[in-house]
């Protein structure tokens, strides 16, 4: 059992900077850091998943503004440095930090897409970390296209941002799944 202490924000950023200078350009894995500064890898998204992410990004920018981004590195309080699939936040928040570094907080809206992702096993912890880190809302798109919306008080029926994701079924497998995750809020 690992008993290493959680790193503070500065420790995580130092480890991140060291890792990014050491990583070769053709590395076949995407990486994040857990709360102890240990590398967590995730395989690169398939073309199908990248198309779904782009579609979600476009829908966010059309519905709530152009300040969305894909695969932005963010710092969470309890789960390390992570890379949500799509994020959105107001302009003034984008202006409040060095955009060449990981975002030192979690953006207002985070979207995770579980389609061909290694993230499904830790999605509950990921959602909780985003909400604890300042996200006002987290959307999780399941492997079969179902969308769950989470806020600090639990699961929501609708987005507080007025976002409705309309996803093409061709991205997803054809199985009805009632719930993607269980989140403690």
N, C-alpha and C. Protein backbone atom coordinates (compact mmCIF):
# COMPACT_ATOMS: atom_id res chain seq x y z
N UNK A 1 0.84 -1.17 0.00
CA UNK A 1 0.00 0.00 0.00
C UNK A 1 0.89 1.24 0.00
N UNK A 2 0.64 2.14 -0.95
CA UNK A 2 1.43 3.35 -1.08
C UNK A 2 0.96 4.39 -0.08
N UNK A 3 1.88 4.93 0.70
CA UNK A 3 1.52 5.93 1.69
C UNK A 3 2.20 7.27 1.38
N UNK A 4 2.64 7.47 0.15
CA UNK A 4 3.26 8.73 -0.23
C UNK A 4 2.26 9.85 -0.02
N UNK A 5 2.75 10.98 0.48
CA UNK A 5 1.83 12.11 0.70
C UNK A 5 1.40 12.75 -0.62
N UNK A 6 0.24 13.38 -0.59
CA UNK A 6 -0.21 14.13 -1.76
C UNK A 6 0.68 15.35 -1.92
N UNK A 7 1.00 15.68 -3.16
CA UNK A 7 1.80 16.86 -3.43
C UNK A 7 0.91 18.09 -3.45
N UNK A 8 1.46 19.23 -3.03
CA UNK A 8 0.71 20.48 -3.17
C UNK A 8 0.81 20.94 -4.62
N UNK A 9 0.13 22.02 -4.94
CA UNK A 9 0.08 22.52 -6.31
C UNK A 9 1.49 22.77 -6.87
N UNK A 10 2.37 23.37 -6.08
CA UNK A 10 3.73 23.66 -6.55
C UNK A 10 4.52 22.38 -6.83
N UNK A 11 4.35 21.39 -5.96
CA UNK A 11 5.03 20.10 -6.18
C UNK A 11 4.55 19.42 -7.45
N UNK A 12 3.24 19.45 -7.67
CA UNK A 12 2.69 18.86 -8.89
C UNK A 12 3.21 19.58 -10.13
N UNK A 13 3.22 20.92 -10.09
CA UNK A 13 3.70 21.69 -11.24
C UNK A 13 5.17 21.45 -11.52
N UNK A 14 5.99 21.34 -10.48
CA UNK A 14 7.41 21.05 -10.66
C UNK A 14 7.59 19.68 -11.31
N UNK A 15 6.87 18.69 -10.82
CA UNK A 15 6.94 17.34 -11.41
C UNK A 15 6.47 17.37 -12.85
N UNK A 16 5.39 18.11 -13.12
CA UNK A 16 4.84 18.21 -14.48
C UNK A 16 5.87 18.83 -15.43
N UNK A 17 6.49 19.92 -15.01
CA UNK A 17 7.50 20.59 -15.86
C UNK A 17 8.66 19.65 -16.15
N UNK A 18 9.12 18.92 -15.15
CA UNK A 18 10.21 17.98 -15.35
C UNK A 18 9.80 16.89 -16.34
N UNK A 19 8.60 16.38 -16.18
CA UNK A 19 8.11 15.32 -17.05
C UNK A 19 7.96 15.80 -18.48
N UNK A 20 7.41 16.99 -18.68
CA UNK A 20 7.19 17.48 -20.05
C UNK A 20 8.49 17.75 -20.77
N UNK A 21 9.55 18.10 -20.07
CA UNK A 21 10.83 18.30 -20.75
C UNK A 21 11.51 16.97 -21.03
N UNK A 22 11.16 15.92 -20.27
CA UNK A 22 11.79 14.62 -20.45
C UNK A 22 11.07 13.73 -21.47
N UNK A 23 9.83 14.06 -21.79
CA UNK A 23 9.03 13.22 -22.68
C UNK A 23 9.43 13.43 -24.13
N UNK A 24 9.60 12.35 -24.83
CA UNK A 24 9.91 12.44 -26.25
C UNK A 24 8.66 12.83 -27.04
N UNK A 25 8.85 13.51 -28.15
CA UNK A 25 7.73 14.00 -28.96
C UNK A 25 6.86 12.88 -29.52
N UNK A 26 7.42 11.72 -29.73
CA UNK A 26 6.63 10.63 -30.33
C UNK A 26 6.09 9.65 -29.30
N UNK A 27 6.01 10.04 -28.04
CA UNK A 27 5.48 9.16 -27.00
C UNK A 27 4.08 8.75 -27.38
N UNK A 28 3.77 7.47 -27.30
CA UNK A 28 2.48 6.94 -27.76
C UNK A 28 1.38 7.04 -26.71
N UNK A 29 1.69 7.51 -25.54
CA UNK A 29 0.70 7.62 -24.48
C UNK A 29 0.49 9.09 -24.12
N UNK A 30 -0.70 9.43 -23.67
CA UNK A 30 -0.94 10.73 -23.05
C UNK A 30 -0.74 10.51 -21.57
N UNK A 31 -0.35 11.51 -20.87
CA UNK A 31 -0.08 11.31 -19.46
C UNK A 31 -0.71 12.41 -18.60
N UNK A 32 -0.91 12.03 -17.35
CA UNK A 32 -1.40 12.91 -16.31
C UNK A 32 -0.58 12.58 -15.07
N UNK A 33 -0.76 13.32 -14.00
CA UNK A 33 -0.12 13.01 -12.73
C UNK A 33 -1.19 12.77 -11.68
N UNK A 34 -1.00 11.72 -10.86
CA UNK A 34 -1.94 11.55 -9.76
C UNK A 34 -1.56 12.52 -8.64
N UNK A 35 -2.27 12.50 -7.54
CA UNK A 35 -2.04 13.44 -6.46
C UNK A 35 -0.68 13.32 -5.79
N UNK A 36 0.00 12.21 -6.01
CA UNK A 36 1.33 12.00 -5.44
C UNK A 36 2.44 12.31 -6.44
N UNK A 37 2.05 12.76 -7.63
CA UNK A 37 3.04 13.09 -8.65
C UNK A 37 3.48 11.91 -9.49
N UNK A 38 2.78 10.78 -9.38
CA UNK A 38 3.10 9.60 -10.18
C UNK A 38 2.42 9.72 -11.55
N UNK A 39 3.11 9.28 -12.58
CA UNK A 39 2.58 9.35 -13.94
C UNK A 39 1.44 8.36 -14.12
N UNK A 40 0.36 8.85 -14.72
CA UNK A 40 -0.79 8.02 -15.09
C UNK A 40 -0.93 8.17 -16.60
N UNK A 41 -0.87 7.06 -17.33
CA UNK A 41 -0.95 7.14 -18.79
C UNK A 41 -2.34 6.76 -19.28
N UNK A 42 -2.67 7.30 -20.42
CA UNK A 42 -3.93 7.02 -21.11
C UNK A 42 -3.57 6.94 -22.59
N UNK A 43 -4.09 5.94 -23.27
CA UNK A 43 -3.77 5.83 -24.69
C UNK A 43 -4.35 7.01 -25.46
N UNK A 44 -3.74 7.32 -26.57
CA UNK A 44 -4.23 8.42 -27.40
C UNK A 44 -5.64 8.08 -27.89
N UNK A 45 -6.49 9.09 -28.04
CA UNK A 45 -7.86 8.83 -28.49
C UNK A 45 -7.89 8.33 -29.94
N UNK A 46 -8.80 7.43 -30.21
CA UNK A 46 -9.01 6.95 -31.58
C UNK A 46 -9.57 8.08 -32.44
N UNK A 47 -9.56 7.89 -33.72
CA UNK A 47 -10.15 8.89 -34.63
C UNK A 47 -11.63 9.10 -34.30
N UNK A 48 -12.33 8.02 -34.00
CA UNK A 48 -13.77 8.11 -33.66
C UNK A 48 -13.97 8.97 -32.43
N UNK A 49 -13.15 8.76 -31.40
CA UNK A 49 -13.27 9.56 -30.18
C UNK A 49 -12.89 11.02 -30.44
N UNK A 50 -11.86 11.25 -31.23
CA UNK A 50 -11.46 12.62 -31.55
C UNK A 50 -12.57 13.36 -32.28
N UNK A 51 -13.27 12.68 -33.17
CA UNK A 51 -14.40 13.30 -33.88
C UNK A 51 -15.51 13.66 -32.89
N UNK A 52 -15.79 12.74 -31.95
CA UNK A 52 -16.82 13.01 -30.93
C UNK A 52 -16.40 14.20 -30.06
N UNK A 53 -15.12 14.27 -29.68
CA UNK A 53 -14.64 15.40 -28.86
C UNK A 53 -14.76 16.71 -29.62
N UNK A 54 -14.42 16.69 -30.89
CA UNK A 54 -14.54 17.90 -31.71
C UNK A 54 -15.98 18.33 -31.83
N UNK A 55 -16.88 17.37 -32.01
CA UNK A 55 -18.31 17.67 -32.08
C UNK A 55 -18.79 18.32 -30.78
N UNK A 56 -18.39 17.77 -29.64
CA UNK A 56 -18.78 18.32 -28.34
C UNK A 56 -18.20 19.72 -28.17
N UNK A 57 -16.94 19.89 -28.51
CA UNK A 57 -16.31 21.21 -28.45
C UNK A 57 -17.10 22.23 -29.28
N UNK A 58 -17.44 21.86 -30.50
CA UNK A 58 -18.19 22.76 -31.38
C UNK A 58 -19.56 23.11 -30.80
N UNK A 59 -20.24 22.11 -30.23
CA UNK A 59 -21.55 22.37 -29.63
C UNK A 59 -21.43 23.33 -28.45
N UNK A 60 -20.39 23.16 -27.62
CA UNK A 60 -20.20 24.07 -26.49
C UNK A 60 -19.96 25.49 -26.99
N UNK A 61 -19.09 25.65 -27.97
CA UNK A 61 -18.79 27.00 -28.46
C UNK A 61 -20.02 27.64 -29.09
N UNK A 62 -20.85 26.85 -29.75
CA UNK A 62 -22.08 27.40 -30.35
C UNK A 62 -23.11 27.78 -29.29
N UNK A 63 -23.17 27.00 -28.21
CA UNK A 63 -24.21 27.21 -27.20
C UNK A 63 -23.83 28.19 -26.10
N UNK A 64 -22.55 28.23 -25.69
CA UNK A 64 -22.20 29.12 -24.57
C UNK A 64 -20.97 29.99 -24.84
N UNK A 65 -20.44 29.97 -26.03
CA UNK A 65 -19.33 30.87 -26.34
C UNK A 65 -18.06 30.16 -26.74
N UNK A 66 -17.18 30.91 -27.33
CA UNK A 66 -15.97 30.36 -27.93
C UNK A 66 -14.85 30.07 -26.95
N UNK A 67 -15.08 30.12 -25.69
CA UNK A 67 -14.01 29.95 -24.71
C UNK A 67 -13.90 28.51 -24.20
N UNK A 68 -14.15 27.58 -25.10
CA UNK A 68 -13.97 26.16 -24.80
C UNK A 68 -12.64 25.72 -25.39
N UNK A 69 -12.11 24.63 -24.87
CA UNK A 69 -10.85 24.09 -25.38
C UNK A 69 -10.86 22.58 -25.16
N UNK A 70 -10.07 21.88 -25.96
CA UNK A 70 -9.95 20.43 -25.83
C UNK A 70 -8.60 20.08 -25.21
N UNK A 71 -8.62 19.06 -24.37
CA UNK A 71 -7.41 18.48 -23.77
C UNK A 71 -6.53 19.51 -23.07
N UNK A 72 -7.13 20.31 -22.21
CA UNK A 72 -6.40 21.30 -21.43
C UNK A 72 -5.99 20.66 -20.11
N UNK A 73 -4.75 20.83 -19.74
CA UNK A 73 -4.22 20.29 -18.49
C UNK A 73 -4.67 21.17 -17.33
N UNK A 74 -5.30 20.54 -16.31
CA UNK A 74 -5.80 21.29 -15.15
C UNK A 74 -5.26 20.67 -13.86
N UNK A 75 -5.17 21.51 -12.83
CA UNK A 75 -4.69 21.06 -11.53
C UNK A 75 -5.89 20.87 -10.60
N UNK A 76 -6.02 19.67 -10.05
CA UNK A 76 -7.08 19.40 -9.09
C UNK A 76 -6.49 19.34 -7.68
N UNK A 77 -7.31 19.55 -6.68
CA UNK A 77 -6.85 19.51 -5.31
C UNK A 77 -6.59 18.10 -4.81
N UNK A 78 -7.37 17.13 -5.29
CA UNK A 78 -7.30 15.78 -4.72
C UNK A 78 -6.90 14.69 -5.70
N UNK A 79 -6.74 15.02 -6.99
CA UNK A 79 -6.53 13.97 -7.98
C UNK A 79 -5.36 14.26 -8.91
N UNK A 80 -4.57 15.29 -8.58
CA UNK A 80 -3.38 15.59 -9.35
C UNK A 80 -3.65 16.48 -10.55
N UNK A 81 -2.76 16.37 -11.54
CA UNK A 81 -2.89 17.13 -12.78
C UNK A 81 -3.56 16.23 -13.80
N UNK A 82 -4.71 16.66 -14.27
CA UNK A 82 -5.53 15.85 -15.17
C UNK A 82 -5.84 16.61 -16.45
N UNK A 83 -6.32 15.88 -17.44
CA UNK A 83 -6.61 16.48 -18.74
C UNK A 83 -8.05 16.12 -19.14
N UNK A 84 -9.02 16.96 -18.78
CA UNK A 84 -10.39 16.70 -19.24
C UNK A 84 -10.45 16.77 -20.76
N UNK A 85 -11.41 16.08 -21.35
CA UNK A 85 -11.52 16.06 -22.81
C UNK A 85 -11.86 17.44 -23.37
N UNK A 86 -12.82 18.12 -22.76
CA UNK A 86 -13.23 19.45 -23.19
C UNK A 86 -13.51 20.28 -21.94
N UNK A 87 -13.10 21.55 -21.95
CA UNK A 87 -13.40 22.45 -20.84
C UNK A 87 -13.96 23.75 -21.39
N UNK A 88 -14.66 24.48 -20.51
CA UNK A 88 -15.15 25.82 -20.84
C UNK A 88 -15.09 26.65 -19.58
N UNK A 89 -14.73 27.93 -19.74
CA UNK A 89 -14.81 28.89 -18.64
C UNK A 89 -14.88 30.29 -19.24
N UNK A 90 -15.38 31.26 -18.45
CA UNK A 90 -15.50 32.62 -18.96
C UNK A 90 -14.13 33.25 -19.24
N UNK A 91 -14.14 34.26 -20.06
CA UNK A 91 -12.93 34.95 -20.51
C UNK A 91 -12.03 35.38 -19.36
N UNK A 92 -12.60 35.98 -18.32
CA UNK A 92 -11.77 36.51 -17.23
C UNK A 92 -10.99 35.40 -16.52
N UNK A 93 -11.50 34.20 -16.52
CA UNK A 93 -10.75 33.09 -15.91
C UNK A 93 -9.60 32.66 -16.79
N UNK A 94 -9.79 32.69 -18.12
CA UNK A 94 -8.69 32.36 -19.04
C UNK A 94 -7.55 33.36 -18.90
N UNK A 95 -7.88 34.60 -18.58
CA UNK A 95 -6.87 35.65 -18.49
C UNK A 95 -6.11 35.65 -17.17
N UNK A 96 -6.52 34.83 -16.21
CA UNK A 96 -5.97 34.91 -14.86
C UNK A 96 -4.74 34.03 -14.61
N UNK A 97 -4.19 33.38 -15.62
CA UNK A 97 -3.05 32.49 -15.41
C UNK A 97 -2.20 32.39 -16.67
N UNK A 98 -1.01 31.84 -16.53
CA UNK A 98 -0.10 31.61 -17.65
C UNK A 98 -0.62 30.41 -18.44
N UNK A 99 -1.07 30.62 -19.66
CA UNK A 99 -1.69 29.56 -20.44
C UNK A 99 -0.69 28.55 -21.01
N UNK A 100 0.60 28.76 -20.77
CA UNK A 100 1.60 27.76 -21.16
C UNK A 100 1.83 26.73 -20.07
N UNK A 101 1.21 26.94 -18.93
CA UNK A 101 1.30 26.03 -17.78
C UNK A 101 -0.04 25.33 -17.61
N UNK A 102 -0.09 24.26 -16.82
CA UNK A 102 -1.39 23.68 -16.49
C UNK A 102 -2.26 24.73 -15.80
N UNK A 103 -3.55 24.70 -16.08
CA UNK A 103 -4.48 25.61 -15.42
C UNK A 103 -4.38 25.32 -13.91
N UNK A 104 -4.16 26.35 -13.07
CA UNK A 104 -3.97 26.10 -11.64
C UNK A 104 -5.26 25.83 -10.87
N UNK A 105 -6.36 25.69 -11.58
CA UNK A 105 -7.67 25.41 -10.98
C UNK A 105 -8.46 24.62 -12.01
N UNK A 106 -9.65 24.21 -11.66
CA UNK A 106 -10.50 23.46 -12.59
C UNK A 106 -11.49 24.43 -13.25
N UNK A 107 -11.60 24.41 -14.58
CA UNK A 107 -12.56 25.29 -15.27
C UNK A 107 -14.00 25.03 -14.84
N UNK A 108 -14.88 25.98 -15.17
CA UNK A 108 -16.28 25.93 -14.77
C UNK A 108 -17.03 24.69 -15.29
N UNK A 109 -16.72 24.28 -16.51
CA UNK A 109 -17.39 23.13 -17.12
C UNK A 109 -16.33 22.18 -17.66
N UNK A 110 -16.40 20.93 -17.26
CA UNK A 110 -15.50 19.89 -17.77
C UNK A 110 -16.34 18.79 -18.39
N UNK A 111 -15.86 18.27 -19.51
CA UNK A 111 -16.55 17.16 -20.18
C UNK A 111 -15.57 16.01 -20.32
N UNK A 112 -16.01 14.83 -19.94
CA UNK A 112 -15.23 13.60 -20.13
C UNK A 112 -16.02 12.68 -21.05
N UNK A 113 -15.33 12.14 -22.05
CA UNK A 113 -15.94 11.22 -23.00
C UNK A 113 -15.29 9.86 -22.81
N UNK A 114 -16.08 8.88 -22.43
CA UNK A 114 -15.54 7.56 -22.10
C UNK A 114 -15.39 6.64 -23.31
N UNK A 115 -15.76 7.10 -24.46
CA UNK A 115 -15.62 6.32 -25.69
C UNK A 115 -14.17 5.91 -25.86
N UNK A 116 -13.88 4.64 -25.94
CA UNK A 116 -12.55 4.02 -26.06
C UNK A 116 -11.50 4.65 -25.15
N UNK A 117 -11.91 5.02 -23.95
CA UNK A 117 -11.00 5.66 -23.01
C UNK A 117 -10.64 4.72 -21.88
N UNK A 118 -9.44 4.91 -21.34
CA UNK A 118 -9.00 4.15 -20.17
C UNK A 118 -9.53 4.77 -18.88
N UNK A 119 -10.31 5.84 -18.97
CA UNK A 119 -10.74 6.61 -17.81
C UNK A 119 -11.98 6.06 -17.11
N UNK A 120 -12.67 5.13 -17.70
CA UNK A 120 -13.94 4.66 -17.14
C UNK A 120 -13.80 4.15 -15.71
N UNK A 121 -12.68 3.49 -15.39
CA UNK A 121 -12.53 2.91 -14.05
C UNK A 121 -12.39 3.97 -12.96
N UNK A 122 -11.94 5.18 -13.30
CA UNK A 122 -11.78 6.20 -12.26
C UNK A 122 -12.65 7.44 -12.50
N UNK A 123 -13.72 7.29 -13.29
CA UNK A 123 -14.51 8.46 -13.65
C UNK A 123 -15.19 9.10 -12.44
N UNK A 124 -15.61 8.33 -11.46
CA UNK A 124 -16.22 8.91 -10.27
C UNK A 124 -15.25 9.80 -9.51
N UNK A 125 -14.02 9.33 -9.32
CA UNK A 125 -12.98 10.14 -8.65
C UNK A 125 -12.64 11.37 -9.47
N UNK A 126 -12.61 11.22 -10.78
CA UNK A 126 -12.30 12.33 -11.68
C UNK A 126 -13.38 13.42 -11.56
N UNK A 127 -14.64 13.01 -11.63
CA UNK A 127 -15.76 13.96 -11.51
C UNK A 127 -15.70 14.67 -10.16
N UNK A 128 -15.51 13.91 -9.08
CA UNK A 128 -15.42 14.52 -7.75
C UNK A 128 -14.26 15.51 -7.67
N UNK A 129 -13.12 15.16 -8.23
CA UNK A 129 -11.95 16.06 -8.19
C UNK A 129 -12.23 17.35 -8.95
N UNK A 130 -12.89 17.26 -10.10
CA UNK A 130 -13.22 18.47 -10.85
C UNK A 130 -14.17 19.36 -10.05
N UNK A 131 -15.18 18.75 -9.45
CA UNK A 131 -16.15 19.54 -8.67
C UNK A 131 -15.50 20.14 -7.42
N UNK A 132 -14.67 19.35 -6.73
CA UNK A 132 -13.96 19.87 -5.56
C UNK A 132 -12.99 20.98 -5.95
N UNK A 133 -12.47 20.93 -7.17
CA UNK A 133 -11.49 21.90 -7.63
C UNK A 133 -12.09 23.16 -8.22
N UNK A 134 -13.41 23.27 -8.24
CA UNK A 134 -14.04 24.50 -8.68
C UNK A 134 -14.95 24.40 -9.88
N UNK A 135 -15.03 23.24 -10.51
CA UNK A 135 -15.97 23.11 -11.63
C UNK A 135 -17.39 23.30 -11.11
N UNK A 136 -18.18 24.00 -11.86
CA UNK A 136 -19.58 24.16 -11.50
C UNK A 136 -20.41 23.02 -12.06
N UNK A 137 -19.85 22.36 -13.10
CA UNK A 137 -20.58 21.27 -13.74
C UNK A 137 -19.61 20.36 -14.46
N UNK A 138 -19.93 19.06 -14.45
CA UNK A 138 -19.15 18.07 -15.18
C UNK A 138 -20.13 17.23 -15.99
N UNK A 139 -19.85 17.10 -17.28
CA UNK A 139 -20.65 16.24 -18.15
C UNK A 139 -19.83 14.99 -18.47
N UNK A 140 -20.47 13.84 -18.36
CA UNK A 140 -19.82 12.58 -18.69
C UNK A 140 -20.61 11.94 -19.83
N UNK A 141 -19.92 11.69 -20.92
CA UNK A 141 -20.53 11.02 -22.06
C UNK A 141 -20.07 9.58 -22.02
N UNK A 142 -21.01 8.66 -21.83
CA UNK A 142 -20.69 7.25 -21.69
C UNK A 142 -20.31 6.61 -23.02
N UNK A 143 -19.84 5.40 -22.93
CA UNK A 143 -19.38 4.67 -24.11
C UNK A 143 -20.49 4.38 -25.10
N UNK A 144 -21.72 4.53 -24.66
CA UNK A 144 -22.86 4.27 -25.54
C UNK A 144 -23.61 5.56 -25.89
N UNK A 145 -23.01 6.72 -25.55
CA UNK A 145 -23.58 8.00 -25.94
C UNK A 145 -24.48 8.65 -24.91
N UNK A 146 -24.73 8.01 -23.78
CA UNK A 146 -25.56 8.62 -22.75
C UNK A 146 -24.79 9.76 -22.08
N UNK A 147 -25.49 10.84 -21.77
CA UNK A 147 -24.87 12.01 -21.16
C UNK A 147 -25.39 12.16 -19.74
N UNK A 148 -24.47 12.22 -18.78
CA UNK A 148 -24.81 12.49 -17.39
C UNK A 148 -24.20 13.83 -17.02
N UNK A 149 -24.96 14.62 -16.27
CA UNK A 149 -24.54 15.95 -15.85
C UNK A 149 -24.46 15.95 -14.34
N UNK A 150 -23.31 16.40 -13.81
CA UNK A 150 -23.07 16.40 -12.38
C UNK A 150 -22.72 17.80 -11.89
N UNK A 151 -23.24 18.14 -10.71
CA UNK A 151 -22.92 19.38 -10.04
C UNK A 151 -22.53 19.09 -8.61
N UNK A 152 -22.24 20.11 -7.86
CA UNK A 152 -21.79 19.92 -6.48
C UNK A 152 -22.84 19.28 -5.58
N UNK A 153 -24.11 19.34 -5.98
CA UNK A 153 -25.16 18.71 -5.18
C UNK A 153 -25.60 17.36 -5.73
N UNK A 154 -24.90 16.86 -6.74
CA UNK A 154 -25.23 15.56 -7.29
C UNK A 154 -25.60 15.64 -8.76
N UNK A 155 -26.26 14.58 -9.21
CA UNK A 155 -26.64 14.49 -10.62
C UNK A 155 -27.73 15.50 -10.95
N UNK A 156 -27.63 16.09 -12.13
CA UNK A 156 -28.60 17.08 -12.59
C UNK A 156 -29.35 16.55 -13.80
N UNK A 157 -30.55 17.07 -13.98
CA UNK A 157 -31.34 16.71 -15.16
C UNK A 157 -30.96 17.56 -16.36
N UNK A 158 -30.48 18.77 -16.10
CA UNK A 158 -30.14 19.69 -17.19
C UNK A 158 -28.92 20.51 -16.78
N UNK A 159 -28.25 21.03 -17.76
CA UNK A 159 -27.06 21.84 -17.55
C UNK A 159 -27.42 23.22 -17.01
N UNK A 160 -26.66 23.70 -16.02
CA UNK A 160 -26.86 25.07 -15.53
C UNK A 160 -26.40 26.08 -16.58
N UNK A 161 -25.63 25.64 -17.54
CA UNK A 161 -25.15 26.51 -18.62
C UNK A 161 -26.09 26.49 -19.82
N UNK A 162 -27.15 25.69 -19.74
CA UNK A 162 -28.09 25.59 -20.85
C UNK A 162 -27.57 24.75 -22.00
N UNK A 163 -26.56 23.94 -21.77
CA UNK A 163 -25.97 23.11 -22.81
C UNK A 163 -26.77 21.83 -22.98
N UNK A 164 -27.06 21.50 -24.22
CA UNK A 164 -27.66 20.22 -24.57
C UNK A 164 -26.77 19.59 -25.63
N UNK A 165 -26.18 18.44 -25.30
CA UNK A 165 -25.33 17.75 -26.27
C UNK A 165 -26.18 16.81 -27.10
N UNK A 166 -26.13 16.98 -28.41
CA UNK A 166 -26.81 16.10 -29.36
C UNK A 166 -25.72 15.33 -30.10
N UNK A 167 -25.54 14.07 -29.73
CA UNK A 167 -24.43 13.29 -30.24
C UNK A 167 -24.89 12.28 -31.28
N UNK A 168 -24.15 12.21 -32.35
CA UNK A 168 -24.47 11.29 -33.43
C UNK A 168 -24.26 9.85 -32.95
N UNK A 169 -25.27 9.00 -33.08
CA UNK A 169 -25.15 7.61 -32.61
C UNK A 169 -24.04 6.83 -33.32
N UNK A 170 -23.57 7.30 -34.47
CA UNK A 170 -22.51 6.57 -35.18
C UNK A 170 -21.21 6.53 -34.39
N UNK A 171 -21.03 7.44 -33.39
CA UNK A 171 -19.82 7.44 -32.58
C UNK A 171 -19.82 6.31 -31.55
N UNK A 172 -21.00 5.80 -31.21
CA UNK A 172 -21.14 4.97 -30.03
C UNK A 172 -21.68 3.59 -30.34
N UNK A 173 -21.45 2.67 -29.38
CA UNK A 173 -21.99 1.32 -29.47
C UNK A 173 -23.48 1.37 -29.19
N UNK A 174 -24.22 0.43 -29.72
CA UNK A 174 -25.68 0.42 -29.62
C UNK A 174 -26.17 -0.43 -28.45
N UNK A 175 -25.88 -0.01 -27.22
CA UNK A 175 -26.36 -0.70 -26.03
C UNK A 175 -26.92 0.34 -25.07
N UNK A 176 -28.08 0.07 -24.50
CA UNK A 176 -28.67 0.99 -23.54
C UNK A 176 -28.08 0.74 -22.16
N UNK A 177 -27.45 1.76 -21.59
CA UNK A 177 -26.86 1.67 -20.25
C UNK A 177 -27.48 2.76 -19.40
N UNK A 178 -28.08 2.40 -18.25
CA UNK A 178 -28.80 3.39 -17.44
C UNK A 178 -27.92 4.44 -16.76
N UNK A 179 -26.73 4.10 -16.32
CA UNK A 179 -25.90 5.07 -15.60
C UNK A 179 -24.44 4.76 -15.81
N UNK A 180 -23.65 5.80 -15.99
CA UNK A 180 -22.23 5.65 -16.22
C UNK A 180 -21.46 5.52 -14.92
N UNK A 181 -21.85 6.25 -13.89
CA UNK A 181 -21.03 6.31 -12.70
C UNK A 181 -21.84 6.61 -11.46
N UNK A 182 -21.17 6.47 -10.37
CA UNK A 182 -21.72 6.85 -9.08
C UNK A 182 -20.79 7.88 -8.49
N UNK A 183 -21.29 9.04 -8.16
CA UNK A 183 -20.46 10.13 -7.66
C UNK A 183 -20.91 10.53 -6.27
N UNK A 184 -19.95 10.69 -5.38
CA UNK A 184 -20.22 11.21 -4.04
C UNK A 184 -20.23 12.72 -4.10
N UNK A 185 -21.30 13.35 -3.70
CA UNK A 185 -21.35 14.82 -3.65
C UNK A 185 -21.96 15.25 -2.34
